[in-house]
Amino acid sequence: MTEEDKAILKLATAPYKYAAARESHARERFGLTPTQYWREVNRIIDTPAARATDPHGTALLIQQRTSRTTGTLRRRLF
């Protein structure tokens, strides 16, 4: 896991009142659009190194992703 990956993971788990503030920070710090930023976060949290680096934060991000995906699938099916 690179230092940039660790910084992206740390930013993803940091408390922010508004998601737009986190995405703005990602643009300033890493030069990523919000879509690129969340793609990177999703790529990183699927690696074993992320779970070793921050097990609680990684589990929380995976849980949030799963609940969003499940909700989207339910709306499409019903």
PDB file of N, CA and C in Angstrom:
ATOM      1  N   MET A   1       0.853  -1.166   0.000  1.00  0.00           N
ATOM      2  CA  MET A   1       0.000   0.000   0.000  1.00  0.00           C
ATOM      3  C   MET A   1       0.903   1.235   0.000  1.00  0.00           C
ATOM      4  N   THR A   2       0.682   2.124  -0.947  1.00  0.00           N
ATOM      5  CA  THR A   2       1.525   3.314  -1.053  1.00  0.00           C
ATOM      6  C   THR A   2       1.133   4.349  -0.005  1.00  0.00           C
ATOM      7  N   GLU A   3       1.976   5.332   0.161  1.00  0.00           N
ATOM      8  CA  GLU A   3       1.679   6.421   1.098  1.00  0.00           C
ATOM      9  C   GLU A   3       0.442   7.196   0.645  1.00  0.00           C
ATOM     10  N   GLU A   4       0.287   7.355  -0.665  1.00  0.00           N
ATOM     11  CA  GLU A   4      -0.902   8.052  -1.171  1.00  0.00           C
ATOM     12  C   GLU A   4      -2.165   7.246  -0.872  1.00  0.00           C
ATOM     13  N   ASP A   5      -2.098   5.920  -1.018  1.00  0.00           N
ATOM     14  CA  ASP A   5      -3.244   5.072  -0.686  1.00  0.00           C
ATOM     15  C   ASP A   5      -3.610   5.213   0.789  1.00  0.00           C
ATOM     16  N   LYS A   6      -2.593   5.240   1.634  1.00  0.00           N
ATOM     17  CA  LYS A   6      -2.848   5.410   3.077  1.00  0.00           C
ATOM     18  C   LYS A   6      -3.488   6.760   3.361  1.00  0.00           C
ATOM     19  N   ALA A   7      -3.031   7.806   2.675  1.00  0.00           N
ATOM     20  CA  ALA A   7      -3.602   9.145   2.870  1.00  0.00           C
ATOM     21  C   ALA A   7      -5.037   9.200   2.370  1.00  0.00           C
ATOM     22  N   ILE A   8      -5.328   8.541   1.264  1.00  0.00           N
ATOM     23  CA  ILE A   8      -6.699   8.504   0.740  1.00  0.00           C
ATOM     24  C   ILE A   8      -7.604   7.761   1.712  1.00  0.00           C
ATOM     25  N   LEU A   9      -7.143   6.652   2.250  1.00  0.00           N
ATOM     26  CA  LEU A   9      -7.921   5.893   3.231  1.00  0.00           C
ATOM     27  C   LEU A   9      -8.163   6.714   4.487  1.00  0.00           C
ATOM     28  N   LYS A  10      -7.143   7.419   4.930  1.00  0.00           N
ATOM     29  CA  LYS A  10      -7.289   8.259   6.120  1.00  0.00           C
ATOM     30  C   LYS A  10      -8.312   9.371   5.882  1.00  0.00           C
ATOM     31  N   LEU A  11      -8.283   9.976   4.693  1.00  0.00           N
ATOM     32  CA  LEU A  11      -9.255  11.016   4.354  1.00  0.00           C
ATOM     33  C   LEU A  11     -10.668  10.437   4.297  1.00  0.00           C
ATOM     34  N   ALA A  12     -10.812   9.228   3.763  1.00  0.00           N
ATOM     35  CA  ALA A  12     -12.133   8.601   3.640  1.00  0.00           C
ATOM     36  C   ALA A  12     -12.743   8.289   4.996  1.00  0.00           C
ATOM     37  N   THR A  13     -11.907   8.031   5.994  1.00  0.00           N
ATOM     38  CA  THR A  13     -12.426   7.688   7.318  1.00  0.00           C
ATOM     39  C   THR A  13     -12.463   8.884   8.272  1.00  0.00           C
ATOM     40  N   ALA A  14     -11.957  10.023   7.834  1.00  0.00           N
ATOM     41  CA  ALA A  14     -11.958  11.219   8.689  1.00  0.00           C
ATOM     42  C   ALA A  14     -13.382  11.780   8.792  1.00  0.00           C
ATOM     43  N   PRO A  15     -13.715  12.314   9.961  1.00  0.00           N
ATOM     44  CA  PRO A  15     -15.066  12.869  10.118  1.00  0.00           C
ATOM     45  C   PRO A  15     -15.209  14.215   9.401  1.00  0.00           C
ATOM     46  N   TYR A  16     -16.219  14.300   8.572  1.00  0.00           N
ATOM     47  CA  TYR A  16     -16.579  15.545   7.878  1.00  0.00           C
ATOM     48  C   TYR A  16     -18.070  15.743   8.034  1.00  0.00           C
ATOM     49  N   LYS A  17     -18.478  16.974   8.216  1.00  0.00           N
ATOM     50  CA  LYS A  17     -19.908  17.246   8.347  1.00  0.00           C
ATOM     51  C   LYS A  17     -20.613  17.089   7.006  1.00  0.00           C
ATOM     52  N   TYR A  18     -19.945  17.484   5.932  1.00  0.00           N
ATOM     53  CA  TYR A  18     -20.525  17.404   4.590  1.00  0.00           C
ATOM     54  C   TYR A  18     -19.596  16.626   3.672  1.00  0.00           C
ATOM     55  N   ALA A  19     -20.175  15.752   2.843  1.00  0.00           N
ATOM     56  CA  ALA A  19     -19.377  14.951   1.910  1.00  0.00           C
ATOM     57  C   ALA A  19     -18.640  15.844   0.916  1.00  0.00           C
ATOM     58  N   ALA A  20     -19.246  16.945   0.540  1.00  0.00           N
ATOM     59  CA  ALA A  20     -18.616  17.844  -0.435  1.00  0.00           C
ATOM     60  C   ALA A  20     -17.295  18.403   0.102  1.00  0.00           C
ATOM     61  N   ALA A  21     -17.196  18.594   1.395  1.00  0.00           N
ATOM     62  CA  ALA A  21     -15.946  19.092   1.979  1.00  0.00           C
ATOM     63  C   ALA A  21     -14.840  18.047   1.829  1.00  0.00           C
ATOM     64  N   ARG A  22     -15.178  16.784   2.031  1.00  0.00           N
ATOM     65  CA  ARG A  22     -14.203  15.696   1.876  1.00  0.00           C
ATOM     66  C   ARG A  22     -13.749  15.620   0.416  1.00  0.00           C
ATOM     67  N   GLU A  23     -14.706  15.713  -0.495  1.00  0.00           N
ATOM     68  CA  GLU A  23     -14.383  15.625  -1.918  1.00  0.00           C
ATOM     69  C   GLU A  23     -13.568  16.826  -2.385  1.00  0.00           C
ATOM     70  N   SER A  24     -13.851  17.987  -1.825  1.00  0.00           N
ATOM     71  CA  SER A  24     -13.077  19.176  -2.145  1.00  0.00           C
ATOM     72  C   SER A  24     -11.633  19.019  -1.658  1.00  0.00           C
ATOM     73  N   HIS A  25     -11.489  18.475  -0.475  1.00  0.00           N
ATOM     74  CA  HIS A  25     -10.163  18.226   0.083  1.00  0.00           C
ATOM     75  C   HIS A  25      -9.407  17.219  -0.796  1.00  0.00           C
ATOM     76  N   ALA A  26     -10.109  16.190  -1.281  1.00  0.00           N
ATOM     77  CA  ALA A  26      -9.476  15.193  -2.154  1.00  0.00           C
ATOM     78  C   ALA A  26      -9.007  15.832  -3.455  1.00  0.00           C
ATOM     79  N   ARG A  27      -9.788  16.777  -3.972  1.00  0.00           N
ATOM     80  CA  ARG A  27      -9.402  17.460  -5.206  1.00  0.00           C
ATOM     81  C   ARG A  27      -8.138  18.304  -4.972  1.00  0.00           C
ATOM     82  N   GLU A  28      -8.119  19.020  -3.853  1.00  0.00           N
ATOM     83  CA  GLU A  28      -6.966  19.871  -3.542  1.00  0.00           C
ATOM     84  C   GLU A  28      -5.708  19.048  -3.283  1.00  0.00           C
ATOM     85  N   ARG A  29      -5.852  17.988  -2.525  1.00  0.00           N
ATOM     86  CA  ARG A  29      -4.679  17.235  -2.084  1.00  0.00           C
ATOM     87  C   ARG A  29      -4.177  16.234  -3.123  1.00  0.00           C
ATOM     88  N   PHE A  30      -5.107  15.547  -3.806  1.00  0.00           N
ATOM     89  CA  PHE A  30      -4.702  14.474  -4.713  1.00  0.00           C
ATOM     90  C   PHE A  30      -4.989  14.775  -6.177  1.00  0.00           C
ATOM     91  N   GLY A  31      -5.717  15.855  -6.451  1.00  0.00           N
ATOM     92  CA  GLY A  31      -6.046  16.199  -7.828  1.00  0.00           C
ATOM     93  C   GLY A  31      -7.066  15.257  -8.443  1.00  0.00           C
ATOM     94  N   LEU A  32      -7.950  14.696  -7.602  1.00  0.00           N
ATOM     95  CA  LEU A  32      -8.944  13.739  -8.068  1.00  0.00           C
ATOM     96  C   LEU A  32     -10.336  14.363  -8.070  1.00  0.00           C
ATOM     97  N   THR A  33     -11.117  14.042  -9.086  1.00  0.00           N
ATOM     98  CA  THR A  33     -12.523  14.445  -9.076  1.00  0.00           C
ATOM     99  C   THR A  33     -13.236  13.579  -8.034  1.00  0.00           C
ATOM    100  N   PRO A  34     -14.431  13.955  -7.610  1.00  0.00           N
ATOM    101  CA  PRO A  34     -15.145  13.117  -6.636  1.00  0.00           C
ATOM    102  C   PRO A  34     -15.323  11.671  -7.107  1.00  0.00           C
ATOM    103  N   THR A  35     -15.642  11.486  -8.375  1.00  0.00           N
ATOM    104  CA  THR A  35     -15.815  10.127  -8.902  1.00  0.00           C
ATOM    105  C   THR A  35     -14.507   9.347  -8.848  1.00  0.00           C
ATOM    106  N   GLN A  36     -13.418   9.977  -9.257  1.00  0.00           N
ATOM    107  CA  GLN A  36     -12.112   9.314  -9.211  1.00  0.00           C
ATOM    108  C   GLN A  36     -11.716   8.991  -7.777  1.00  0.00           C
ATOM    109  N   TYR A  37     -12.010   9.922  -6.874  1.00  0.00           N
ATOM    110  CA  TYR A  37     -11.673   9.725  -5.463  1.00  0.00           C
ATOM    111  C   TYR A  37     -12.386   8.498  -4.906  1.00  0.00           C
ATOM    112  N   TRP A  38     -13.698   8.383  -5.128  1.00  0.00           N
ATOM    113  CA  TRP A  38     -14.445   7.258  -4.576  1.00  0.00           C
ATOM    114  C   TRP A  38     -14.080   5.946  -5.264  1.00  0.00           C
ATOM    115  N   ARG A  39     -13.704   5.990  -6.525  1.00  0.00           N
ATOM    116  CA  ARG A  39     -13.199   4.775  -7.180  1.00  0.00           C
ATOM    117  C   ARG A  39     -11.922   4.304  -6.505  1.00  0.00           C
ATOM    118  N   GLU A  40     -11.042   5.241  -6.202  1.00  0.00           N
ATOM    119  CA  GLU A  40      -9.798   4.899  -5.509  1.00  0.00           C
ATOM    120  C   GLU A  40     -10.093   4.336  -4.118  1.00  0.00           C
ATOM    121  N   VAL A  41     -11.006   4.970  -3.399  1.00  0.00           N
ATOM    122  CA  VAL A  41     -11.364   4.470  -2.063  1.00  0.00           C
ATOM    123  C   VAL A  41     -11.876   3.039  -2.174  1.00  0.00           C
ATOM    124  N   ASN A  42     -12.773   2.775  -3.109  1.00  0.00           N
ATOM    125  CA  ASN A  42     -13.317   1.425  -3.275  1.00  0.00           C
ATOM    126  C   ASN A  42     -12.238   0.422  -3.677  1.00  0.00           C
ATOM    127  N   ARG A  43     -11.308   0.838  -4.506  1.00  0.00           N
ATOM    128  CA  ARG A  43     -10.204  -0.048  -4.885  1.00  0.00           C
ATOM    129  C   ARG A  43      -9.342  -0.357  -3.663  1.00  0.00           C
ATOM    130  N   ILE A  44      -9.051   0.664  -2.876  1.00  0.00           N
ATOM    131  CA  ILE A  44      -8.165   0.503  -1.713  1.00  0.00           C
ATOM    132  C   ILE A  44      -8.803  -0.386  -0.648  1.00  0.00           C
ATOM    133  N   ILE A  45     -10.089  -0.184  -0.347  1.00  0.00           N
ATOM    134  CA  ILE A  45     -10.699  -0.950   0.745  1.00  0.00           C
ATOM    135  C   ILE A  45     -10.865  -2.431   0.413  1.00  0.00           C
ATOM    136  N   ASP A  46     -10.719  -2.787  -0.852  1.00  0.00           N
ATOM    137  CA  ASP A  46     -10.792  -4.195  -1.232  1.00  0.00           C
ATOM    138  C   ASP A  46      -9.460  -4.922  -1.086  1.00  0.00           C
ATOM    139  N   THR A  47      -8.411  -4.227  -0.691  1.00  0.00           N
ATOM    140  CA  THR A  47      -7.100  -4.857  -0.553  1.00  0.00           C
ATOM    141  C   THR A  47      -6.858  -5.324   0.883  1.00  0.00           C
ATOM    142  N   PRO A  48      -6.164  -6.423   1.053  1.00  0.00           N
ATOM    143  CA  PRO A  48      -5.824  -6.888   2.402  1.00  0.00           C
ATOM    144  C   PRO A  48      -4.949  -5.878   3.161  1.00  0.00           C
ATOM    145  N   ALA A  49      -4.126  -5.125   2.436  1.00  0.00           N
ATOM    146  CA  ALA A  49      -3.254  -4.144   3.092  1.00  0.00           C
ATOM    147  C   ALA A  49      -4.075  -3.063   3.785  1.00  0.00           C
ATOM    148  N   ALA A  50      -5.197  -2.680   3.202  1.00  0.00           N
ATOM    149  CA  ALA A  50      -6.053  -1.667   3.830  1.00  0.00           C
ATOM    150  C   ALA A  50      -6.646  -2.201   5.125  1.00  0.00           C
ATOM    151  N   ARG A  51      -7.057  -3.464   5.106  1.00  0.00           N
ATOM    152  CA  ARG A  51      -7.606  -4.071   6.320  1.00  0.00           C
ATOM    153  C   ARG A  51      -6.546  -4.176   7.410  1.00  0.00           C
ATOM    154  N   ALA A  52      -5.313  -4.391   7.014  1.00  0.00           N
ATOM    155  CA  ALA A  52      -4.224  -4.470   7.996  1.00  0.00           C
ATOM    156  C   ALA A  52      -3.878  -3.089   8.535  1.00  0.00           C
ATOM    157  N   THR A  53      -3.962  -2.069   7.684  1.00  0.00           N
ATOM    158  CA  THR A  53      -3.617  -0.706   8.088  1.00  0.00           C
ATOM    159  C   THR A  53      -4.665  -0.094   9.006  1.00  0.00           C
ATOM    160  N   ASP A  54      -5.941  -0.211   8.618  1.00  0.00           N
ATOM    161  CA  ASP A  54      -7.036   0.387   9.391  1.00  0.00           C
ATOM    162  C   ASP A  54      -8.245  -0.546   9.345  1.00  0.00           C
ATOM    163  N   PRO A  55      -8.255  -1.588  10.174  1.00  0.00           N
ATOM    164  CA  PRO A  55      -9.329  -2.581  10.092  1.00  0.00           C
ATOM    165  C   PRO A  55     -10.719  -1.996  10.369  1.00  0.00           C
ATOM    166  N   HIS A  56     -10.827  -1.137  11.363  1.00  0.00           N
ATOM    167  CA  HIS A  56     -12.128  -0.572  11.712  1.00  0.00           C
ATOM    168  C   HIS A  56     -12.638   0.359  10.614  1.00  0.00           C
ATOM    169  N   GLY A  57     -11.792   1.261  10.163  1.00  0.00           N
ATOM    170  CA  GLY A  57     -12.194   2.199   9.114  1.00  0.00           C
ATOM    171  C   GLY A  57     -12.538   1.502   7.817  1.00  0.00           C
ATOM    172  N   THR A  58     -11.758   0.485   7.453  1.00  0.00           N
ATOM    173  CA  THR A  58     -12.014  -0.267   6.230  1.00  0.00           C
ATOM    174  C   THR A  58     -13.343  -1.009   6.334  1.00  0.00           C
ATOM    175  N   ALA A  59     -13.590  -1.643   7.468  1.00  0.00           N
ATOM    176  CA  ALA A  59     -14.850  -2.363   7.663  1.00  0.00           C
ATOM    177  C   ALA A  59     -16.042  -1.407   7.581  1.00  0.00           C
ATOM    178  N   LEU A  60     -15.902  -0.230   8.147  1.00  0.00           N
ATOM    179  CA  LEU A  60     -16.974   0.758   8.096  1.00  0.00           C
ATOM    180  C   LEU A  60     -17.254   1.199   6.661  1.00  0.00           C
ATOM    181  N   LEU A  61     -16.214   1.462   5.895  1.00  0.00           N
ATOM    182  CA  LEU A  61     -16.394   1.873   4.502  1.00  0.00           C
ATOM    183  C   LEU A  61     -17.015   0.757   3.667  1.00  0.00           C
ATOM    184  N   ILE A  62     -16.625  -0.477   3.906  1.00  0.00           N
ATOM    185  CA  ILE A  62     -17.213  -1.614   3.181  1.00  0.00           C
ATOM    186  C   ILE A  62     -18.684  -1.759   3.546  1.00  0.00           C
ATOM    187  N   GLN A  63     -18.997  -1.591   4.814  1.00  0.00           N
ATOM    188  CA  GLN A  63     -20.389  -1.679   5.260  1.00  0.00           C
ATOM    189  C   GLN A  63     -21.239  -0.579   4.613  1.00  0.00           C
ATOM    190  N   GLN A  64     -20.722   0.637   4.556  1.00  0.00           N
ATOM    191  CA  GLN A  64     -21.452   1.734   3.920  1.00  0.00           C
ATOM    192  C   GLN A  64     -21.667   1.455   2.441  1.00  0.00           C
ATOM    193  N   ARG A  65     -20.652   0.951   1.766  1.00  0.00           N
ATOM    194  CA  ARG A  65     -20.772   0.636   0.338  1.00  0.00           C
ATOM    195  C   ARG A  65     -21.814  -0.454   0.121  1.00  0.00           C
ATOM    196  N   THR A  66     -21.798  -1.467   0.974  1.00  0.00           N
ATOM    197  CA  THR A  66     -22.744  -2.571   0.847  1.00  0.00           C
ATOM    198  C   THR A  66     -24.176  -2.101   1.062  1.00  0.00           C
ATOM    199  N   SER A  67     -24.393  -1.246   2.041  1.00  0.00           N
ATOM    200  CA  SER A  67     -25.759  -0.771   2.302  1.00  0.00           C
ATOM    201  C   SER A  67     -26.256   0.107   1.160  1.00  0.00           C
ATOM    202  N   ARG A  68     -25.387   0.910   0.552  1.00  0.00           N
ATOM    203  CA  ARG A  68     -25.794   1.720  -0.603  1.00  0.00           C
ATOM    204  C   ARG A  68     -26.144   0.823  -1.781  1.00  0.00           C
ATOM    205  N   THR A  69     -25.317  -0.183  -2.018  1.00  0.00           N
ATOM    206  CA  THR A  69     -25.538  -1.096  -3.142  1.00  0.00           C
ATOM    207  C   THR A  69     -26.825  -1.896  -2.941  1.00  0.00           C
ATOM    208  N   THR A  70     -27.052  -2.377  -1.734  1.00  0.00           N
ATOM    209  CA  THR A  70     -28.254  -3.150  -1.442  1.00  0.00           C
ATOM    210  C   THR A  70     -29.501  -2.302  -1.650  1.00  0.00           C
ATOM    211  N   GLY A  71     -29.473  -1.065  -1.181  1.00  0.00           N
ATOM    212  CA  GLY A  71     -30.616  -0.171  -1.362  1.00  0.00           C
ATOM    213  C   GLY A  71     -30.911   0.103  -2.819  1.00  0.00           C
ATOM    214  N   THR A  72     -29.869   0.295  -3.598  1.00  0.00           N
ATOM    215  CA  THR A  72     -30.041   0.543  -5.032  1.00  0.00           C
ATOM    216  C   THR A  72     -30.645  -0.675  -5.719  1.00  0.00           C
ATOM    217  N   LEU A  73     -30.157  -1.860  -5.383  1.00  0.00           N
ATOM    218  CA  LEU A  73     -30.688  -3.075  -5.989  1.00  0.00           C
ATOM    219  C   LEU A  73     -32.141  -3.295  -5.613  1.00  0.00           C
ATOM    220  N   ARG A  74     -32.502  -3.026  -4.371  1.00  0.00           N
ATOM    221  CA  ARG A  74     -33.903  -3.194  -3.946  1.00  0.00           C
ATOM    222  C   ARG A  74     -34.822  -2.266  -4.718  1.00  0.00           C
ATOM    223  N   ARG A  75     -34.393  -1.021  -4.899  1.00  0.00           N
ATOM    224  CA  ARG A  75     -35.232  -0.070  -5.641  1.00  0.00           C
ATOM    225  C   ARG A  75     -35.402  -0.504  -7.089  1.00  0.00           C
ATOM    226  N   ARG A  76     -34.375  -1.100  -7.667  1.00  0.00           N
ATOM    227  CA  ARG A  76     -34.482  -1.553  -9.049  1.00  0.00           C
ATOM    228  C   ARG A  76     -35.384  -2.764  -9.187  1.00  0.00           C
ATOM    229  N   LEU A  77     -35.396  -3.638  -8.185  1.00  0.00           N
ATOM    230  CA  LEU A  77     -36.178  -4.866  -8.257  1.00  0.00           C
ATOM    231  C   LEU A  77     -37.649  -4.644  -7.931  1.00  0.00           C
ATOM    232  N   PHE A  78     -37.942  -3.674  -7.083  1.00  0.00           N
ATOM    233  CA  PHE A  78     -39.328  -3.518  -6.631  1.00  0.00           C
ATOM    234  C   PHE A  78     -39.911  -2.224  -7.044  1.00  0.00           C
TER     235      PHE A  78
END
